[in-house]
Amino acid sequence: MSQKFSNKKNKTMYMELKIEVDGNLSLLLINKTREIQKIWEFSNSWGWNSLHFEFRKVDSNDVLILKRKKSMIWSPNIPTYFTIAPHKSLKISFDIGDKTWEKNWDLTTIKNEVLLVKAFLIILETQESKEFNVFTGRLESNTIKLKPPHKWCLSND
């Protein structure tokens, strides 16, 4: 079950984390409102650092963080966004083995671990978010329990 969070304008959106059969790590953003919702695309400076994942080993309190690398050159840097129609959803897949992610751990350390995984999307209010009426606030996905093997994160090993 997804968790619900509202932004300051009382617009509500849900985020659900799924691991797809094809091995991709995917997010499903669900618009539960009667209005179009916009979120920044992840290919510009407004959306790039808005998403991160937390992994917890079931038998440990260690939190493993996966987030986008901070150093990025934007040429051009255009405030583009995804649009989610009322009562519709948007599925976004990620290849966490590509070179755009940084982590405080080695992917191989989780190869045989049962994991609890959660995604966080945090979009801060900016002049551009006001101008383009982009969703601002914090979304937290449901937690999913994953059993090995974790092909979705070890595909490039």
C-alpha atoms as a PDB file:
ATOM      1  CA  MET A   1       0.000   0.000   0.000  1.00  0.00           C
ATOM      2  CA  SER A   2       1.319   3.452  -0.851  1.00  0.00           C
ATOM      3  CA  GLN A   3       1.542   6.299   1.564  1.00  0.00           C
ATOM      4  CA  LYS A   4      -0.119   9.647   0.960  1.00  0.00           C
ATOM      5  CA  PHE A   5       1.509  13.023   1.392  1.00  0.00           C
ATOM      6  CA  SER A   6       0.113  16.439   0.589  1.00  0.00           C
ATOM      7  CA  ASN A   7       1.898  19.572  -0.422  1.00  0.00           C
ATOM      8  CA  LYS A   8       1.040  23.061   0.805  1.00  0.00           C
ATOM      9  CA  LYS A   9      -1.634  23.522  -1.853  1.00  0.00           C
ATOM     10  CA  ASN A  10      -3.558  20.423  -0.635  1.00  0.00           C
ATOM     11  CA  LYS A  11      -2.785  18.511  -3.805  1.00  0.00           C
ATOM     12  CA  THR A  12      -2.232  14.864  -3.074  1.00  0.00           C
ATOM     13  CA  MET A  13      -0.129  12.353  -4.904  1.00  0.00           C
ATOM     14  CA  TYR A  14       0.945   8.827  -4.071  1.00  0.00           C
ATOM     15  CA  MET A  15       4.160   7.035  -4.875  1.00  0.00           C
ATOM     16  CA  GLU A  16       4.516   3.287  -5.071  1.00  0.00           C
ATOM     17  CA  LEU A  17       7.793   1.420  -5.448  1.00  0.00           C
ATOM     18  CA  LYS A  18       7.811  -1.717  -7.559  1.00  0.00           C
ATOM     19  CA  ILE A  19      10.394  -4.133  -8.828  1.00  0.00           C
ATOM     20  CA  GLU A  20       9.317  -5.106 -12.290  1.00  0.00           C
ATOM     21  CA  VAL A  21       9.645  -8.618 -13.685  1.00  0.00           C
ATOM     22  CA  ASP A  22      12.101  -7.390 -16.312  1.00  0.00           C
ATOM     23  CA  GLY A  23      14.547  -6.514 -13.548  1.00  0.00           C
ATOM     24  CA  ASN A  24      14.148  -2.732 -13.466  1.00  0.00           C
ATOM     25  CA  LEU A  25      13.731  -0.675 -10.342  1.00  0.00           C
ATOM     26  CA  SER A  26      10.560   1.306 -11.064  1.00  0.00           C
ATOM     27  CA  LEU A  27       8.490   3.983  -9.379  1.00  0.00           C
ATOM     28  CA  LEU A  28       4.809   4.401  -9.954  1.00  0.00           C
ATOM     29  CA  LEU A  29       3.551   7.934  -9.270  1.00  0.00           C
ATOM     30  CA  ILE A  30      -0.214   7.984  -8.874  1.00  0.00           C
ATOM     31  CA  ASN A  31      -2.265  11.166  -9.125  1.00  0.00           C
ATOM     32  CA  LYS A  32      -5.292  10.739  -6.854  1.00  0.00           C
ATOM     33  CA  THR A  33      -6.613  14.249  -7.471  1.00  0.00           C
ATOM     34  CA  ARG A  34      -8.985  15.864  -9.950  1.00  0.00           C
ATOM     35  CA  GLU A  35      -6.191  18.124 -11.199  1.00  0.00           C
ATOM     36  CA  ILE A  36      -3.186  17.575 -13.430  1.00  0.00           C
ATOM     37  CA  GLN A  37      -0.030  17.065 -11.366  1.00  0.00           C
ATOM     38  CA  LYS A  38       3.450  17.964 -12.575  1.00  0.00           C
ATOM     39  CA  ILE A  39       6.770  16.763 -11.206  1.00  0.00           C
ATOM     40  CA  TRP A  40      10.211  17.719 -12.402  1.00  0.00           C
ATOM     41  CA  GLU A  41      11.860  15.363 -14.845  1.00  0.00           C
ATOM     42  CA  PHE A  42      15.071  13.897 -13.458  1.00  0.00           C
ATOM     43  CA  SER A  43      17.164  15.162 -16.375  1.00  0.00           C
ATOM     44  CA  ASN A  44      17.443  18.780 -15.184  1.00  0.00           C
ATOM     45  CA  SER A  45      18.805  20.539 -12.104  1.00  0.00           C
ATOM     46  CA  TRP A  46      15.344  20.902 -10.521  1.00  0.00           C
ATOM     47  CA  GLY A  47      14.582  17.165 -10.569  1.00  0.00           C
ATOM     48  CA  TRP A  48      18.046  15.591 -10.542  1.00  0.00           C
ATOM     49  CA  ASN A  49      18.532  15.376  -6.760  1.00  0.00           C
ATOM     50  CA  SER A  50      14.852  15.131  -5.842  1.00  0.00           C
ATOM     51  CA  LEU A  51      14.822  11.329  -5.623  1.00  0.00           C
ATOM     52  CA  HIS A  52      16.706   8.893  -3.439  1.00  0.00           C
ATOM     53  CA  PHE A  53      16.307   5.287  -2.348  1.00  0.00           C
ATOM     54  CA  GLU A  54      16.909   3.735   1.056  1.00  0.00           C
ATOM     55  CA  PHE A  55      17.857   0.095   1.421  1.00  0.00           C
ATOM     56  CA  ARG A  56      17.888  -1.677   4.774  1.00  0.00           C
ATOM     57  CA  LYS A  57      19.170  -5.143   5.409  1.00  0.00           C
ATOM     58  CA  VAL A  58      16.464  -7.029   7.299  1.00  0.00           C
ATOM     59  CA  ASP A  59      18.943  -8.311   9.890  1.00  0.00           C
ATOM     60  CA  SER A  60      20.616  -4.923  10.473  1.00  0.00           C
ATOM     61  CA  ASN A  61      19.895  -1.280  11.220  1.00  0.00           C
ATOM     62  CA  ASP A  62      22.264  -0.138   8.477  1.00  0.00           C
ATOM     63  CA  VAL A  63      20.671   2.291   6.035  1.00  0.00           C
ATOM     64  CA  LEU A  64      22.145   2.191   2.564  1.00  0.00           C
ATOM     65  CA  ILE A  65      21.439   5.335   0.526  1.00  0.00           C
ATOM     66  CA  LEU A  66      21.301   5.554  -3.255  1.00  0.00           C
ATOM     67  CA  LYS A  67      21.078   9.059  -4.721  1.00  0.00           C
ATOM     68  CA  ARG A  68      22.067  10.939  -7.854  1.00  0.00           C
ATOM     69  CA  LYS A  69      25.623  12.189  -8.162  1.00  0.00           C
ATOM     70  CA  LYS A  70      25.933  15.831  -7.217  1.00  0.00           C
ATOM     71  CA  SER A  71      28.347  16.912  -9.912  1.00  0.00           C
ATOM     72  CA  MET A  72      26.517  17.458 -13.147  1.00  0.00           C
ATOM     73  CA  ILE A  73      26.933  19.944 -15.964  1.00  0.00           C
ATOM     74  CA  TRP A  74      23.612  21.093 -17.395  1.00  0.00           C
ATOM     75  CA  SER A  75      23.811  22.154 -21.010  1.00  0.00           C
ATOM     76  CA  PRO A  76      21.108  23.177 -21.577  1.00  0.00           C
ATOM     77  CA  ASN A  77      19.268  23.241 -18.249  1.00  0.00           C
ATOM     78  CA  ILE A  78      15.559  23.496 -19.038  1.00  0.00           C
ATOM     79  CA  PRO A  79      12.806  23.174 -16.383  1.00  0.00           C
ATOM     80  CA  THR A  80      10.985  20.206 -17.954  1.00  0.00           C
ATOM     81  CA  TYR A  81       8.428  18.161 -16.061  1.00  0.00           C
ATOM     82  CA  PHE A  82       6.295  15.036 -16.221  1.00  0.00           C
ATOM     83  CA  THR A  83       2.531  15.575 -16.397  1.00  0.00           C
ATOM     84  CA  ILE A  84       0.211  13.113 -14.674  1.00  0.00           C
ATOM     85  CA  ALA A  85      -3.463  13.401 -15.593  1.00  0.00           C
ATOM     86  CA  PRO A  86      -6.152  13.173 -12.893  1.00  0.00           C
ATOM     87  CA  HIS A  87      -6.574   9.610 -11.568  1.00  0.00           C
ATOM     88  CA  LYS A  88      -3.737   8.376 -13.796  1.00  0.00           C
ATOM     89  CA  SER A  89      -0.220   7.199 -13.063  1.00  0.00           C
ATOM     90  CA  LEU A  90       3.290   7.508 -14.408  1.00  0.00           C
ATOM     91  CA  LYS A  91       5.786   4.660 -14.306  1.00  0.00           C
ATOM     92  CA  ILE A  92       9.460   5.630 -14.224  1.00  0.00           C
ATOM     93  CA  SER A  93      12.185   2.969 -14.476  1.00  0.00           C
ATOM     94  CA  PHE A  94      15.758   3.399 -13.289  1.00  0.00           C
ATOM     95  CA  ASP A  95      19.026   1.668 -14.069  1.00  0.00           C
ATOM     96  CA  ILE A  96      20.868   2.051 -10.781  1.00  0.00           C
ATOM     97  CA  GLY A  97      23.917   0.394 -12.305  1.00  0.00           C
ATOM     98  CA  ASP A  98      24.563   3.375 -14.571  1.00  0.00           C
ATOM     99  CA  LYS A  99      27.172   5.953 -13.617  1.00  0.00           C
ATOM    100  CA  THR A 100      24.702   8.668 -12.522  1.00  0.00           C
ATOM    101  CA  TRP A 101      24.088   7.247  -9.022  1.00  0.00           C
ATOM    102  CA  GLU A 102      26.249   7.486  -5.929  1.00  0.00           C
ATOM    103  CA  LYS A 103      25.969   5.246  -2.931  1.00  0.00           C
ATOM    104  CA  ASN A 104      27.521   4.890   0.487  1.00  0.00           C
ATOM    105  CA  TRP A 105      28.015   1.144  -0.067  1.00  0.00           C
ATOM    106  CA  ASP A 106      29.067  -1.492  -2.582  1.00  0.00           C
ATOM    107  CA  LEU A 107      26.209  -3.132  -4.507  1.00  0.00           C
ATOM    108  CA  THR A 108      27.848  -6.533  -4.135  1.00  0.00           C
ATOM    109  CA  THR A 109      27.430  -6.364  -0.333  1.00  0.00           C
ATOM    110  CA  ILE A 110      23.677  -6.828  -0.732  1.00  0.00           C
ATOM    111  CA  LYS A 111      23.837  -9.648  -3.259  1.00  0.00           C
ATOM    112  CA  ASN A 112      22.599 -12.315  -0.827  1.00  0.00           C
ATOM    113  CA  GLU A 113      20.662 -10.113   1.598  1.00  0.00           C
ATOM    114  CA  VAL A 114      16.937  -9.713   2.155  1.00  0.00           C
ATOM    115  CA  LEU A 115      16.277  -5.993   1.749  1.00  0.00           C
ATOM    116  CA  LEU A 116      13.667  -3.437   2.712  1.00  0.00           C
ATOM    117  CA  VAL A 117      13.536  -0.731   0.030  1.00  0.00           C
ATOM    118  CA  LYS A 118      11.835   2.658   0.071  1.00  0.00           C
ATOM    119  CA  ALA A 119      11.916   5.675  -2.267  1.00  0.00           C
ATOM    120  CA  PHE A 120      11.719   9.356  -1.338  1.00  0.00           C
ATOM    121  CA  LEU A 121      10.840  12.230  -3.662  1.00  0.00           C
ATOM    122  CA  ILE A 122      11.431  15.701  -2.247  1.00  0.00           C
ATOM    123  CA  ILE A 123      10.673  18.711  -4.422  1.00  0.00           C
ATOM    124  CA  LEU A 124      11.389  22.084  -2.878  1.00  0.00           C
ATOM    125  CA  GLU A 125       9.455  25.199  -3.744  1.00  0.00           C
ATOM    126  CA  THR A 126      11.366  27.452  -6.133  1.00  0.00           C
ATOM    127  CA  GLN A 127      10.521  30.332  -8.414  1.00  0.00           C
ATOM    128  CA  GLU A 128      10.309  27.806 -11.271  1.00  0.00           C
ATOM    129  CA  SER A 129       8.017  25.421  -9.377  1.00  0.00           C
ATOM    130  CA  LYS A 130       5.645  28.328  -8.794  1.00  0.00           C
ATOM    131  CA  GLU A 131       5.892  29.503 -12.409  1.00  0.00           C
ATOM    132  CA  PHE A 132       5.214  26.038 -13.879  1.00  0.00           C
ATOM    133  CA  ASN A 133       2.863  24.886 -11.082  1.00  0.00           C
ATOM    134  CA  VAL A 134       5.034  21.847 -10.288  1.00  0.00           C
ATOM    135  CA  PHE A 135       4.194  19.660  -7.285  1.00  0.00           C
ATOM    136  CA  THR A 136       6.223  20.603  -4.211  1.00  0.00           C
ATOM    137  CA  GLY A 137       6.468  18.552  -1.078  1.00  0.00           C
ATOM    138  CA  ARG A 138       7.665  15.188   0.111  1.00  0.00           C
ATOM    139  CA  LEU A 139       6.510  11.787  -1.125  1.00  0.00           C
ATOM    140  CA  GLU A 140       7.541   8.559   0.541  1.00  0.00           C
ATOM    141  CA  SER A 141       6.869   5.214  -1.094  1.00  0.00           C
ATOM    142  CA  ASN A 142       5.665   2.047   0.479  1.00  0.00           C
ATOM    143  CA  THR A 143       8.401  -0.273   1.763  1.00  0.00           C
ATOM    144  CA  ILE A 144       8.932  -3.443  -0.189  1.00  0.00           C
ATOM    145  CA  LYS A 145      10.759  -6.552   0.942  1.00  0.00           C
ATOM    146  CA  LEU A 146      13.061  -8.075  -1.632  1.00  0.00           C
ATOM    147  CA  LYS A 147      14.654 -11.487  -1.545  1.00  0.00           C
ATOM    148  CA  PRO A 148      17.839 -12.276  -3.463  1.00  0.00           C
ATOM    149  CA  PRO A 149      19.030 -12.496  -6.131  1.00  0.00           C
ATOM    150  CA  HIS A 150      18.893  -8.783  -6.843  1.00  0.00           C
ATOM    151  CA  LYS A 151      19.382  -8.749 -10.591  1.00  0.00           C
ATOM    152  CA  TRP A 152      17.884  -5.249 -10.811  1.00  0.00           C
ATOM    153  CA  CYS A 153      20.962  -3.799  -9.074  1.00  0.00           C
ATOM    154  CA  LEU A 154      23.660  -6.254 -10.106  1.00  0.00           C
ATOM    155  CA  SER A 155      22.996  -6.345 -13.840  1.00  0.00           C
ATOM    156  CA  ASN A 156      26.196  -4.463 -14.660  1.00  0.00           C
ATOM    157  CA  ASP A 157      28.476  -6.565 -12.452  1.00  0.00           C
END
